[in-house]
Amino acid sequence: MLGTKIVLNEEKILREEKYDIVELYDLIDNFAENLGFTKDGQFTYIARDDKYALANMGKFCHSGLMKCDWFIDNVLEWIWLDDEDGNTDLMKRIVSNPNVSQKGLSANA
C-alpha cells in the first residue's frame, strides 16, 4: 500500500486569513481524486494498488503538492506511507531544502 498523510496547520491558516482552509483541503482532495486515490479518514490518501501507484504518488507529492507555496507554507505533518519500505517524513525534506517549492496548484490568496 502506498499513500500519504497530510495535516495542514489549521491554526496558522485561520490566524493569517490568507487562505480559505476549506478551499485548501478541497484542492488536495480533488488532486488526489484525479489521480485515482481514495481518502481514508480526514487526512490520509491511498494510491490505487496498480502498476501506476508509485508514479501517481510521485505526481501527487513531488510534482504536485511540493511545488505549491500555499501547501509548503501551511503543512504541519506530511508522511509518505509505504507498507513495504516503511514510512517517510516528507517534512524533513522540506525543512532540509527551503527552496523545494515552486509554483504548482493554485490557491487564491
PDB file of N, CA and C in Angstrom:
ATOM      1  N   MET A   1       0.832  -1.175   0.000  1.00  0.00           N
ATOM      2  CA  MET A   1       0.000   0.000   0.000  1.00  0.00           C
ATOM      3  C   MET A   1       0.880   1.242   0.000  1.00  0.00           C
ATOM      4  N   LEU A   2       0.577   2.149  -0.891  1.00  0.00           N
ATOM      5  CA  LEU A   2       1.237   3.450  -0.931  1.00  0.00           C
ATOM      6  C   LEU A   2       0.196   4.531  -0.666  1.00  0.00           C
ATOM      7  N   GLY A   3       0.591   5.511   0.105  1.00  0.00           N
ATOM      8  CA  GLY A   3      -0.309   6.614   0.393  1.00  0.00           C
ATOM      9  C   GLY A   3       0.433   7.734   1.086  1.00  0.00           C
ATOM     10  N   THR A   4      -0.314   8.714   1.523  1.00  0.00           N
ATOM     11  CA  THR A   4       0.283   9.838   2.223  1.00  0.00           C
ATOM     12  C   THR A   4      -0.705  10.395   3.248  1.00  0.00           C
ATOM     13  N   LYS A   5      -0.150  10.841   4.346  1.00  0.00           N
ATOM     14  CA  LYS A   5      -0.949  11.512   5.380  1.00  0.00           C
ATOM     15  C   LYS A   5      -0.565  12.981   5.365  1.00  0.00           C
ATOM     16  N   ILE A   6      -1.574  13.826   5.263  1.00  0.00           N
ATOM     17  CA  ILE A   6      -1.353  15.269   5.172  1.00  0.00           C
ATOM     18  C   ILE A   6      -2.210  15.973   6.219  1.00  0.00           C
ATOM     19  N   VAL A   7      -1.561  16.747   7.071  1.00  0.00           N
ATOM     20  CA  VAL A   7      -2.277  17.566   8.051  1.00  0.00           C
ATOM     21  C   VAL A   7      -1.807  19.005   7.863  1.00  0.00           C
ATOM     22  N   LEU A   8      -2.741  19.886   7.577  1.00  0.00           N
ATOM     23  CA  LEU A   8      -2.405  21.305   7.443  1.00  0.00           C
ATOM     24  C   LEU A   8      -2.414  21.974   8.809  1.00  0.00           C
ATOM     25  N   ASN A   9      -1.660  23.062   8.915  1.00  0.00           N
ATOM     26  CA  ASN A   9      -1.601  23.842  10.147  1.00  0.00           C
ATOM     27  C   ASN A   9      -2.820  24.771  10.184  1.00  0.00           C
ATOM     28  N   GLU A  10      -3.925  24.217  10.641  1.00  0.00           N
ATOM     29  CA  GLU A  10      -5.189  24.947  10.614  1.00  0.00           C
ATOM     30  C   GLU A  10      -5.153  26.211  11.463  1.00  0.00           C
ATOM     31  N   GLU A  11      -4.489  26.174  12.600  1.00  0.00           N
ATOM     32  CA  GLU A  11      -4.382  27.372  13.449  1.00  0.00           C
ATOM     33  C   GLU A  11      -3.711  28.509  12.693  1.00  0.00           C
ATOM     34  N   LYS A  12      -2.612  28.204  12.008  1.00  0.00           N
ATOM     35  CA  LYS A  12      -1.872  29.216  11.251  1.00  0.00           C
ATOM     36  C   LYS A  12      -2.726  29.765  10.104  1.00  0.00           C
ATOM     37  N   ILE A  13      -3.388  28.877   9.388  1.00  0.00           N
ATOM     38  CA  ILE A  13      -4.213  29.292   8.254  1.00  0.00           C
ATOM     39  C   ILE A  13      -5.330  30.220   8.719  1.00  0.00           C
ATOM     40  N   LEU A  14      -5.991  29.859   9.797  1.00  0.00           N
ATOM     41  CA  LEU A  14      -7.076  30.695  10.318  1.00  0.00           C
ATOM     42  C   LEU A  14      -6.552  32.020  10.860  1.00  0.00           C
ATOM     43  N   ARG A  15      -5.406  31.980  11.522  1.00  0.00           N
ATOM     44  CA  ARG A  15      -4.824  33.191  12.102  1.00  0.00           C
ATOM     45  C   ARG A  15      -4.403  34.179  11.016  1.00  0.00           C
ATOM     46  N   GLU A  16      -3.751  33.685   9.976  1.00  0.00           N
ATOM     47  CA  GLU A  16      -3.237  34.567   8.930  1.00  0.00           C
ATOM     48  C   GLU A  16      -4.321  35.066   7.981  1.00  0.00           C
ATOM     49  N   GLU A  17      -5.395  34.311   7.835  1.00  0.00           N
ATOM     50  CA  GLU A  17      -6.506  34.671   6.953  1.00  0.00           C
ATOM     51  C   GLU A  17      -6.062  34.924   5.516  1.00  0.00           C
ATOM     52  N   LYS A  18      -5.000  34.260   5.090  1.00  0.00           N
ATOM     53  CA  LYS A  18      -4.510  34.409   3.717  1.00  0.00           C
ATOM     54  C   LYS A  18      -5.227  33.437   2.778  1.00  0.00           C
ATOM     55  N   TYR A  19      -5.565  32.262   3.286  1.00  0.00           N
ATOM     56  CA  TYR A  19      -6.227  31.223   2.501  1.00  0.00           C
ATOM     57  C   TYR A  19      -7.477  30.747   3.220  1.00  0.00           C
ATOM     58  N   ASP A  20      -8.382  30.197   2.440  1.00  0.00           N
ATOM     59  CA  ASP A  20      -9.574  29.546   2.982  1.00  0.00           C
ATOM     60  C   ASP A  20      -9.227  28.078   3.214  1.00  0.00           C
ATOM     61  N   ILE A  21      -9.327  27.629   4.454  1.00  0.00           N
ATOM     62  CA  ILE A  21      -8.907  26.274   4.808  1.00  0.00           C
ATOM     63  C   ILE A  21      -9.717  25.208   4.067  1.00  0.00           C
ATOM     64  N   VAL A  22     -10.994  25.467   3.870  1.00  0.00           N
ATOM     65  CA  VAL A  22     -11.835  24.510   3.141  1.00  0.00           C
ATOM     66  C   VAL A  22     -11.364  24.403   1.699  1.00  0.00           C
ATOM     67  N   GLU A  23     -11.016  25.534   1.094  1.00  0.00           N
ATOM     68  CA  GLU A  23     -10.525  25.531  -0.283  1.00  0.00           C
ATOM     69  C   GLU A  23      -9.217  24.748  -0.395  1.00  0.00           C
ATOM     70  N   LEU A  24      -8.331  24.895   0.577  1.00  0.00           N
ATOM     71  CA  LEU A  24      -7.062  24.167   0.531  1.00  0.00           C
ATOM     72  C   LEU A  24      -7.291  22.663   0.603  1.00  0.00           C
ATOM     73  N   TYR A  25      -8.116  22.232   1.540  1.00  0.00           N
ATOM     74  CA  TYR A  25      -8.410  20.793   1.631  1.00  0.00           C
ATOM     75  C   TYR A  25      -9.128  20.302   0.376  1.00  0.00           C
ATOM     76  N   ASP A  26     -10.003  21.125  -0.206  1.00  0.00           N
ATOM     77  CA  ASP A  26     -10.683  20.740  -1.447  1.00  0.00           C
ATOM     78  C   ASP A  26      -9.690  20.576  -2.595  1.00  0.00           C
ATOM     79  N   LEU A  27      -8.697  21.471  -2.684  1.00  0.00           N
ATOM     80  CA  LEU A  27      -7.668  21.345  -3.716  1.00  0.00           C
ATOM     81  C   LEU A  27      -6.917  20.025  -3.581  1.00  0.00           C
ATOM     82  N   ILE A  28      -6.546  19.697  -2.357  1.00  0.00           N
ATOM     83  CA  ILE A  28      -5.832  18.442  -2.106  1.00  0.00           C
ATOM     84  C   ILE A  28      -6.730  17.256  -2.453  1.00  0.00           C
ATOM     85  N   ASP A  29      -7.972  17.284  -1.988  1.00  0.00           N
ATOM     86  CA  ASP A  29      -8.915  16.193  -2.261  1.00  0.00           C
ATOM     87  C   ASP A  29      -9.119  15.991  -3.762  1.00  0.00           C
ATOM     88  N   ASN A  30      -9.324  17.081  -4.494  1.00  0.00           N
ATOM     89  CA  ASN A  30      -9.568  16.985  -5.934  1.00  0.00           C
ATOM     90  C   ASN A  30      -8.348  16.466  -6.682  1.00  0.00           C
ATOM     91  N   PHE A  31      -7.175  16.925  -6.303  1.00  0.00           N
ATOM     92  CA  PHE A  31      -5.948  16.453  -6.939  1.00  0.00           C
ATOM     93  C   PHE A  31      -5.785  14.956  -6.696  1.00  0.00           C
ATOM     94  N   ALA A  32      -6.017  14.524  -5.469  1.00  0.00           N
ATOM     95  CA  ALA A  32      -5.915  13.101  -5.132  1.00  0.00           C
ATOM     96  C   ALA A  32      -6.940  12.289  -5.921  1.00  0.00           C
ATOM     97  N   GLU A  33      -8.145  12.783  -5.989  1.00  0.00           N
ATOM     98  CA  GLU A  33      -9.207  12.077  -6.715  1.00  0.00           C
ATOM     99  C   GLU A  33      -8.869  11.947  -8.198  1.00  0.00           C
ATOM    100  N   ASN A  34      -8.307  13.001  -8.787  1.00  0.00           N
ATOM    101  CA  ASN A  34      -7.926  12.962 -10.204  1.00  0.00           C
ATOM    102  C   ASN A  34      -6.863  11.914 -10.495  1.00  0.00           C
ATOM    103  N   LEU A  35      -6.082  11.558  -9.494  1.00  0.00           N
ATOM    104  CA  LEU A  35      -5.051  10.535  -9.659  1.00  0.00           C
ATOM    105  C   LEU A  35      -5.547   9.150  -9.231  1.00  0.00           C
ATOM    106  N   GLY A  36      -6.819   9.048  -8.884  1.00  0.00           N
ATOM    107  CA  GLY A  36      -7.393   7.763  -8.514  1.00  0.00           C
ATOM    108  C   GLY A  36      -7.160   7.349  -7.075  1.00  0.00           C
ATOM    109  N   PHE A  37      -6.770   8.280  -6.219  1.00  0.00           N
ATOM    110  CA  PHE A  37      -6.554   7.979  -4.806  1.00  0.00           C
ATOM    111  C   PHE A  37      -7.903   7.858  -4.101  1.00  0.00           C
ATOM    112  N   THR A  38      -7.910   7.103  -3.017  1.00  0.00           N
ATOM    113  CA  THR A  38      -9.075   7.071  -2.144  1.00  0.00           C
ATOM    114  C   THR A  38      -8.690   7.752  -0.838  1.00  0.00           C
ATOM    115  N   LYS A  39      -9.654   8.385  -0.236  1.00  0.00           N
ATOM    116  CA  LYS A  39      -9.404   9.075   1.027  1.00  0.00           C
ATOM    117  C   LYS A  39      -9.786   8.145   2.166  1.00  0.00           C
ATOM    118  N   ASP A  40      -8.885   8.006   3.117  1.00  0.00           N
ATOM    119  CA  ASP A  40      -9.102   7.143   4.276  1.00  0.00           C
ATOM    120  C   ASP A  40      -9.062   8.027   5.517  1.00  0.00           C
ATOM    121  N   GLY A  41     -10.217   8.365   6.040  1.00  0.00           N
ATOM    122  CA  GLY A  41     -10.263   9.288   7.164  1.00  0.00           C
ATOM    123  C   GLY A  41     -10.132  10.715   6.670  1.00  0.00           C
ATOM    124  N   GLN A  42      -9.763  11.598   7.570  1.00  0.00           N
ATOM    125  CA  GLN A  42      -9.704  13.021   7.229  1.00  0.00           C
ATOM    126  C   GLN A  42      -8.412  13.423   6.526  1.00  0.00           C
ATOM    127  N   PHE A  43      -7.303  12.749   6.812  1.00  0.00           N
ATOM    128  CA  PHE A  43      -6.009  13.246   6.350  1.00  0.00           C
ATOM    129  C   PHE A  43      -5.198  12.272   5.502  1.00  0.00           C
ATOM    130  N   THR A  44      -5.703  11.081   5.220  1.00  0.00           N
ATOM    131  CA  THR A  44      -4.901  10.059   4.559  1.00  0.00           C
ATOM    132  C   THR A  44      -5.436   9.757   3.166  1.00  0.00           C
ATOM    133  N   TYR A  45      -4.520   9.700   2.206  1.00  0.00           N
ATOM    134  CA  TYR A  45      -4.850   9.421   0.813  1.00  0.00           C
ATOM    135  C   TYR A  45      -4.090   8.174   0.388  1.00  0.00           C
ATOM    136  N   ILE A  46      -4.807   7.200  -0.176  1.00  0.00           N
ATOM    137  CA  ILE A  46      -4.219   5.927  -0.568  1.00  0.00           C
ATOM    138  C   ILE A  46      -4.243   5.813  -2.089  1.00  0.00           C
ATOM    139  N   ALA A  47      -3.074   5.514  -2.672  1.00  0.00           N
ATOM    140  CA  ALA A  47      -2.974   5.337  -4.119  1.00  0.00           C
ATOM    141  C   ALA A  47      -3.641   4.031  -4.524  1.00  0.00           C
ATOM    142  N   ARG A  48      -4.226   4.029  -5.714  1.00  0.00           N
ATOM    143  CA  ARG A  48      -4.808   2.808  -6.253  1.00  0.00           C
ATOM    144  C   ARG A  48      -3.694   1.774  -6.371  1.00  0.00           C
ATOM    145  N   ASP A  49      -3.986   0.543  -5.988  1.00  0.00           N
ATOM    146  CA  ASP A  49      -2.985  -0.528  -5.994  1.00  0.00           C
ATOM    147  C   ASP A  49      -2.866  -1.103  -7.404  1.00  0.00           C
ATOM    148  N   ASP A  50      -2.099  -0.413  -8.247  1.00  0.00           N
ATOM    149  CA  ASP A  50      -1.865  -0.877  -9.608  1.00  0.00           C
ATOM    150  C   ASP A  50      -0.441  -0.514 -10.018  1.00  0.00           C
ATOM    151  N   LYS A  51      -0.096  -0.768 -11.269  1.00  0.00           N
ATOM    152  CA  LYS A  51       1.283  -0.531 -11.717  1.00  0.00           C
ATOM    153  C   LYS A  51       1.648   0.952 -11.747  1.00  0.00           C
ATOM    154  N   TYR A  52       0.675   1.843 -11.626  1.00  0.00           N
ATOM    155  CA  TYR A  52       0.927   3.283 -11.650  1.00  0.00           C
ATOM    156  C   TYR A  52       0.972   3.903 -10.254  1.00  0.00           C
ATOM    157  N   ALA A  53       0.849   3.100  -9.223  1.00  0.00           N
ATOM    158  CA  ALA A  53       0.761   3.628  -7.855  1.00  0.00           C
ATOM    159  C   ALA A  53       1.955   4.514  -7.504  1.00  0.00           C
ATOM    160  N   LEU A  54       3.167   4.047  -7.753  1.00  0.00           N
ATOM    161  CA  LEU A  54       4.355   4.829  -7.404  1.00  0.00           C
ATOM    162  C   LEU A  54       4.435   6.109  -8.235  1.00  0.00           C
ATOM    163  N   ALA A  55       4.145   6.007  -9.523  1.00  0.00           N
ATOM    164  CA  ALA A  55       4.165   7.199 -10.382  1.00  0.00           C
ATOM    165  C   ALA A  55       3.126   8.215  -9.916  1.00  0.00           C
ATOM    166  N   ASN A  56       1.946   7.743  -9.559  1.00  0.00           N
ATOM    167  CA  ASN A  56       0.908   8.662  -9.087  1.00  0.00           C
ATOM    168  C   ASN A  56       1.265   9.285  -7.747  1.00  0.00           C
ATOM    169  N   MET A  57       1.936   8.530  -6.893  1.00  0.00           N
ATOM    170  CA  MET A  57       2.417   9.113  -5.632  1.00  0.00           C
ATOM    171  C   MET A  57       3.433  10.214  -5.917  1.00  0.00           C
ATOM    172  N   GLY A  58       4.316   9.977  -6.874  1.00  0.00           N
ATOM    173  CA  GLY A  58       5.292  10.995  -7.256  1.00  0.00           C
ATOM    174  C   GLY A  58       4.620  12.240  -7.793  1.00  0.00           C
ATOM    175  N   LYS A  59       3.620  12.051  -8.646  1.00  0.00           N
ATOM    176  CA  LYS A  59       2.877  13.193  -9.184  1.00  0.00           C
ATOM    177  C   LYS A  59       2.187  13.965  -8.065  1.00  0.00           C
ATOM    178  N   PHE A  60       1.565  13.236  -7.165  1.00  0.00           N
ATOM    179  CA  PHE A  60       0.805  13.866  -6.085  1.00  0.00           C
ATOM    180  C   PHE A  60       1.716  14.632  -5.129  1.00  0.00           C
ATOM    181  N   CYS A  61       2.768  13.980  -4.682  1.00  0.00           N
ATOM    182  CA  CYS A  61       3.636  14.576  -3.657  1.00  0.00           C
ATOM    183  C   CYS A  61       4.708  15.488  -4.243  1.00  0.00           C
ATOM    184  N   HIS A  62       5.533  14.951  -5.112  1.00  0.00           N
ATOM    185  CA  HIS A  62       6.723  15.677  -5.560  1.00  0.00           C
ATOM    186  C   HIS A  62       6.462  16.624  -6.727  1.00  0.00           C
ATOM    187  N   SER A  63       5.680  16.198  -7.701  1.00  0.00           N
ATOM    188  CA  SER A  63       5.406  17.063  -8.851  1.00  0.00           C
ATOM    189  C   SER A  63       4.216  17.977  -8.609  1.00  0.00           C
ATOM    190  N   GLY A  64       3.431  17.680  -7.595  1.00  0.00           N
ATOM    191  CA  GLY A  64       2.238  18.469  -7.314  1.00  0.00           C
ATOM    192  C   GLY A  64       2.359  19.306  -6.068  1.00  0.00           C
ATOM    193  N   LEU A  65       2.056  18.714  -4.927  1.00  0.00           N
ATOM    194  CA  LEU A  65       1.964  19.479  -3.681  1.00  0.00           C
ATOM    195  C   LEU A  65       3.277  20.132  -3.265  1.00  0.00           C
ATOM    196  N   MET A  66       4.387  19.448  -3.480  1.00  0.00           N
ATOM    197  CA  MET A  66       5.669  20.002  -3.041  1.00  0.00           C
ATOM    198  C   MET A  66       6.020  21.289  -3.789  1.00  0.00           C
ATOM    199  N   LYS A  67       5.385  21.526  -4.931  1.00  0.00           N
ATOM    200  CA  LYS A  67       5.663  22.728  -5.723  1.00  0.00           C
ATOM    201  C   LYS A  67       4.687  23.867  -5.437  1.00  0.00           C
ATOM    202  N   CYS A  68       3.839  23.686  -4.452  1.00  0.00           N
ATOM    203  CA  CYS A  68       2.822  24.694  -4.135  1.00  0.00           C
ATOM    204  C   CYS A  68       3.217  25.475  -2.886  1.00  0.00           C
ATOM    205  N   ASP A  69       3.472  26.760  -3.057  1.00  0.00           N
ATOM    206  CA  ASP A  69       3.834  27.599  -1.912  1.00  0.00           C
ATOM    207  C   ASP A  69       2.776  27.541  -0.817  1.00  0.00           C
ATOM    208  N   TRP A  70       1.499  27.610  -1.193  1.00  0.00           N
ATOM    209  CA  TRP A  70       0.412  27.582  -0.207  1.00  0.00           C
ATOM    210  C   TRP A  70       0.451  26.309   0.615  1.00  0.00           C
ATOM    211  N   PHE A  71       0.858  25.199  -0.004  1.00  0.00           N
ATOM    212  CA  PHE A  71       0.918  23.926   0.705  1.00  0.00           C
ATOM    213  C   PHE A  71       2.142  23.875   1.608  1.00  0.00           C
ATOM    214  N   ILE A  72       3.302  24.175   1.054  1.00  0.00           N
ATOM    215  CA  ILE A  72       4.557  24.112   1.812  1.00  0.00           C
ATOM    216  C   ILE A  72       4.503  25.045   3.014  1.00  0.00           C
ATOM    217  N   ASP A  73       3.928  26.214   2.840  1.00  0.00           N
ATOM    218  CA  ASP A  73       3.853  27.188   3.929  1.00  0.00           C
ATOM    219  C   ASP A  73       2.870  26.796   5.033  1.00  0.00           C
ATOM    220  N   ASN A  74       1.981  25.855   4.748  1.00  0.00           N
ATOM    221  CA  ASN A  74       0.913  25.552   5.706  1.00  0.00           C
ATOM    222  C   ASN A  74       0.792  24.088   6.105  1.00  0.00           C
ATOM    223  N   VAL A  75       1.684  23.237   5.631  1.00  0.00           N
ATOM    224  CA  VAL A  75       1.602  21.826   6.002  1.00  0.00           C
ATOM    225  C   VAL A  75       2.242  21.636   7.377  1.00  0.00           C
ATOM    226  N   LEU A  76       1.575  20.901   8.232  1.00  0.00           N
ATOM    227  CA  LEU A  76       2.045  20.650   9.592  1.00  0.00           C
ATOM    228  C   LEU A  76       2.664  19.262   9.703  1.00  0.00           C
ATOM    229  N   GLU A  77       2.022  18.285   9.068  1.00  0.00           N
ATOM    230  CA  GLU A  77       2.502  16.905   9.096  1.00  0.00           C
ATOM    231  C   GLU A  77       2.295  16.308   7.707  1.00  0.00           C
ATOM    232  N   TRP A  78       3.348  15.646   7.190  1.00  0.00           N
ATOM    233  CA  TRP A  78       3.249  15.051   5.859  1.00  0.00           C
ATOM    234  C   TRP A  78       4.088  13.787   5.849  1.00  0.00           C
ATOM    235  N   ILE A  79       3.430  12.654   5.753  1.00  0.00           N
ATOM    236  CA  ILE A  79       4.093  11.357   5.821  1.00  0.00           C
ATOM    237  C   ILE A  79       3.826  10.582   4.534  1.00  0.00           C
ATOM    238  N   TRP A  80       4.889  10.044   3.932  1.00  0.00           N
ATOM    239  CA  TRP A  80       4.776   9.113   2.805  1.00  0.00           C
ATOM    240  C   TRP A  80       4.559   7.748   3.421  1.00  0.00           C
ATOM    241  N   LEU A  81       3.448   7.103   3.105  1.00  0.00           N
ATOM    242  CA  LEU A  81       3.088   5.808   3.680  1.00  0.00           C
ATOM    243  C   LEU A  81       3.428   4.688   2.700  1.00  0.00           C
ATOM    244  N   ASP A  82       4.206   3.724   3.158  1.00  0.00           N
ATOM    245  CA  ASP A  82       4.600   2.597   2.315  1.00  0.00           C
ATOM    246  C   ASP A  82       4.714   1.365   3.199  1.00  0.00           C
ATOM    247  N   ASP A  83       3.787   0.420   3.026  1.00  0.00           N
ATOM    248  CA  ASP A  83       3.801  -0.744   3.911  1.00  0.00           C
ATOM    249  C   ASP A  83       4.895  -1.747   3.564  1.00  0.00           C
ATOM    250  N   GLU A  84       5.602  -1.556   2.451  1.00  0.00           N
ATOM    251  CA  GLU A  84       6.720  -2.440   2.109  1.00  0.00           C
ATOM    252  C   GLU A  84       8.060  -1.866   2.564  1.00  0.00           C
ATOM    253  N   ASP A  85       8.297  -0.587   2.275  1.00  0.00           N
ATOM    254  CA  ASP A  85       9.598   0.026   2.573  1.00  0.00           C
ATOM    255  C   ASP A  85       9.593   0.906   3.812  1.00  0.00           C
ATOM    256  N   GLY A  86       8.460   1.061   4.449  1.00  0.00           N
ATOM    257  CA  GLY A  86       8.374   1.902   5.634  1.00  0.00           C
ATOM    258  C   GLY A  86       7.947   3.319   5.289  1.00  0.00           C
ATOM    259  N   ASN A  87       7.516   4.032   6.283  1.00  0.00           N
ATOM    260  CA  ASN A  87       7.027   5.396   6.113  1.00  0.00           C
ATOM    261  C   ASN A  87       8.178   6.396   6.142  1.00  0.00           C
ATOM    262  N   THR A  88       7.982   7.532   5.456  1.00  0.00           N
ATOM    263  CA  THR A  88       8.992   8.578   5.369  1.00  0.00           C
ATOM    264  C   THR A  88       8.359   9.915   5.723  1.00  0.00           C
ATOM    265  N   ASP A  89       9.046  10.693   6.537  1.00  0.00           N
ATOM    266  CA  ASP A  89       8.578  12.022   6.908  1.00  0.00           C
ATOM    267  C   ASP A  89       8.989  13.007   5.819  1.00  0.00           C
ATOM    268  N   LEU A  90       8.037  13.433   4.997  1.00  0.00           N
ATOM    269  CA  LEU A  90       8.342  14.369   3.919  1.00  0.00           C
ATOM    270  C   LEU A  90       8.647  15.770   4.436  1.00  0.00           C
ATOM    271  N   MET A  91       8.249  16.069   5.658  1.00  0.00           N
ATOM    272  CA  MET A  91       8.564  17.378   6.244  1.00  0.00           C
ATOM    273  C   MET A  91      10.067  17.556   6.396  1.00  0.00           C
ATOM    274  N   LYS A  92      10.791  16.485   6.665  1.00  0.00           N
ATOM    275  CA  LYS A  92      12.251  16.579   6.780  1.00  0.00           C
ATOM    276  C   LYS A  92      12.861  17.053   5.471  1.00  0.00           C
ATOM    277  N   ARG A  93      12.301  16.594   4.349  1.00  0.00           N
ATOM    278  CA  ARG A  93      12.809  17.031   3.050  1.00  0.00           C
ATOM    279  C   ARG A  93      12.553  18.521   2.844  1.00  0.00           C
ATOM    280  N   ILE A  94      11.391  18.970   3.248  1.00  0.00           N
ATOM    281  CA  ILE A  94      11.052  20.383   3.099  1.00  0.00           C
ATOM    282  C   ILE A  94      11.949  21.247   3.978  1.00  0.00           C
ATOM    283  N   VAL A  95      12.135  20.834   5.223  1.00  0.00           N
ATOM    284  CA  VAL A  95      12.955  21.600   6.162  1.00  0.00           C
ATOM    285  C   VAL A  95      14.409  21.636   5.703  1.00  0.00           C
ATOM    286  N   SER A  96      14.907  20.533   5.156  1.00  0.00           N
ATOM    287  CA  SER A  96      16.308  20.482   4.737  1.00  0.00           C
ATOM    288  C   SER A  96      16.549  21.207   3.420  1.00  0.00           C
ATOM    289  N   ASN A  97      15.494  21.504   2.670  1.00  0.00           N
ATOM    290  CA  ASN A  97      15.640  22.201   1.398  1.00  0.00           C
ATOM    291  C   ASN A  97      14.569  23.279   1.295  1.00  0.00           C
ATOM    292  N   PRO A  98      14.836  24.465   1.813  1.00  0.00           N
ATOM    293  CA  PRO A  98      13.825  25.520   1.832  1.00  0.00           C
ATOM    294  C   PRO A  98      13.416  26.003   0.445  1.00  0.00           C
ATOM    295  N   ASN A  99      14.159  25.646  -0.603  1.00  0.00           N
ATOM    296  CA  ASN A  99      13.826  26.058  -1.963  1.00  0.00           C
ATOM    297  C   ASN A  99      13.025  25.004  -2.708  1.00  0.00           C
ATOM    298  N   VAL A 100      12.447  24.048  -1.996  1.00  0.00           N
ATOM    299  CA  VAL A 100      11.752  22.931  -2.618  1.00  0.00           C
ATOM    300  C   VAL A 100      10.499  23.371  -3.374  1.00  0.00           C
ATOM    301  N   SER A 101       9.858  24.419  -2.949  1.00  0.00           N
ATOM    302  CA  SER A 101       8.596  24.843  -3.550  1.00  0.00           C
ATOM    303  C   SER A 101       8.809  25.683  -4.803  1.00  0.00           C
ATOM    304  N   GLN A 102       7.972  25.423  -5.793  1.00  0.00           N
ATOM    305  CA  GLN A 102       7.860  26.238  -6.992  1.00  0.00           C
ATOM    306  C   GLN A 102       6.374  26.404  -7.229  1.00  0.00           C
ATOM    307  N   LYS A 103       5.992  27.186  -8.199  1.00  0.00           N
ATOM    308  CA  LYS A 103       4.560  27.371  -8.462  1.00  0.00           C
ATOM    309  C   LYS A 103       3.947  26.053  -8.907  1.00  0.00           C
ATOM    310  N   GLY A 104       2.807  25.723  -8.314  1.00  0.00           N
ATOM    311  CA  GLY A 104       2.097  24.495  -8.652  1.00  0.00           C
ATOM    312  C   GLY A 104       0.603  24.753  -8.637  1.00  0.00           C
ATOM    313  N   LEU A 105      -0.170  23.860  -8.062  1.00  0.00           N
ATOM    314  CA  LEU A 105      -1.616  24.037  -7.941  1.00  0.00           C
ATOM    315  C   LEU A 105      -1.897  25.386  -7.307  1.00  0.00           C
ATOM    316  N   SER A 106      -2.856  26.111  -7.835  1.00  0.00           N
ATOM    317  CA  SER A 106      -3.068  27.447  -7.285  1.00  0.00           C
ATOM    318  C   SER A 106      -4.179  27.471  -6.250  1.00  0.00           C
ATOM    319  N   ALA A 107      -3.949  28.277  -5.247  1.00  0.00           N
ATOM    320  CA  ALA A 107      -4.962  28.583  -4.237  1.00  0.00           C
ATOM    321  C   ALA A 107      -5.078  30.094  -4.210  1.00  0.00           C
ATOM    322  N   ASN A 108      -6.268  30.590  -4.305  1.00  0.00           N
ATOM    323  CA  ASN A 108      -6.448  32.044  -4.309  1.00  0.00           C
ATOM    324  C   ASN A 108      -6.073  32.631  -2.970  1.00  0.00           C
ATOM    325  N   ALA A 109      -5.258  33.650  -3.016  1.00  0.00           N
ATOM    326  CA  ALA A 109      -4.845  34.333  -1.785  1.00  0.00           C
ATOM    327  C   ALA A 109      -5.779  35.485  -1.527  1.00  0.00           C
TER     328      ALA A 109
END
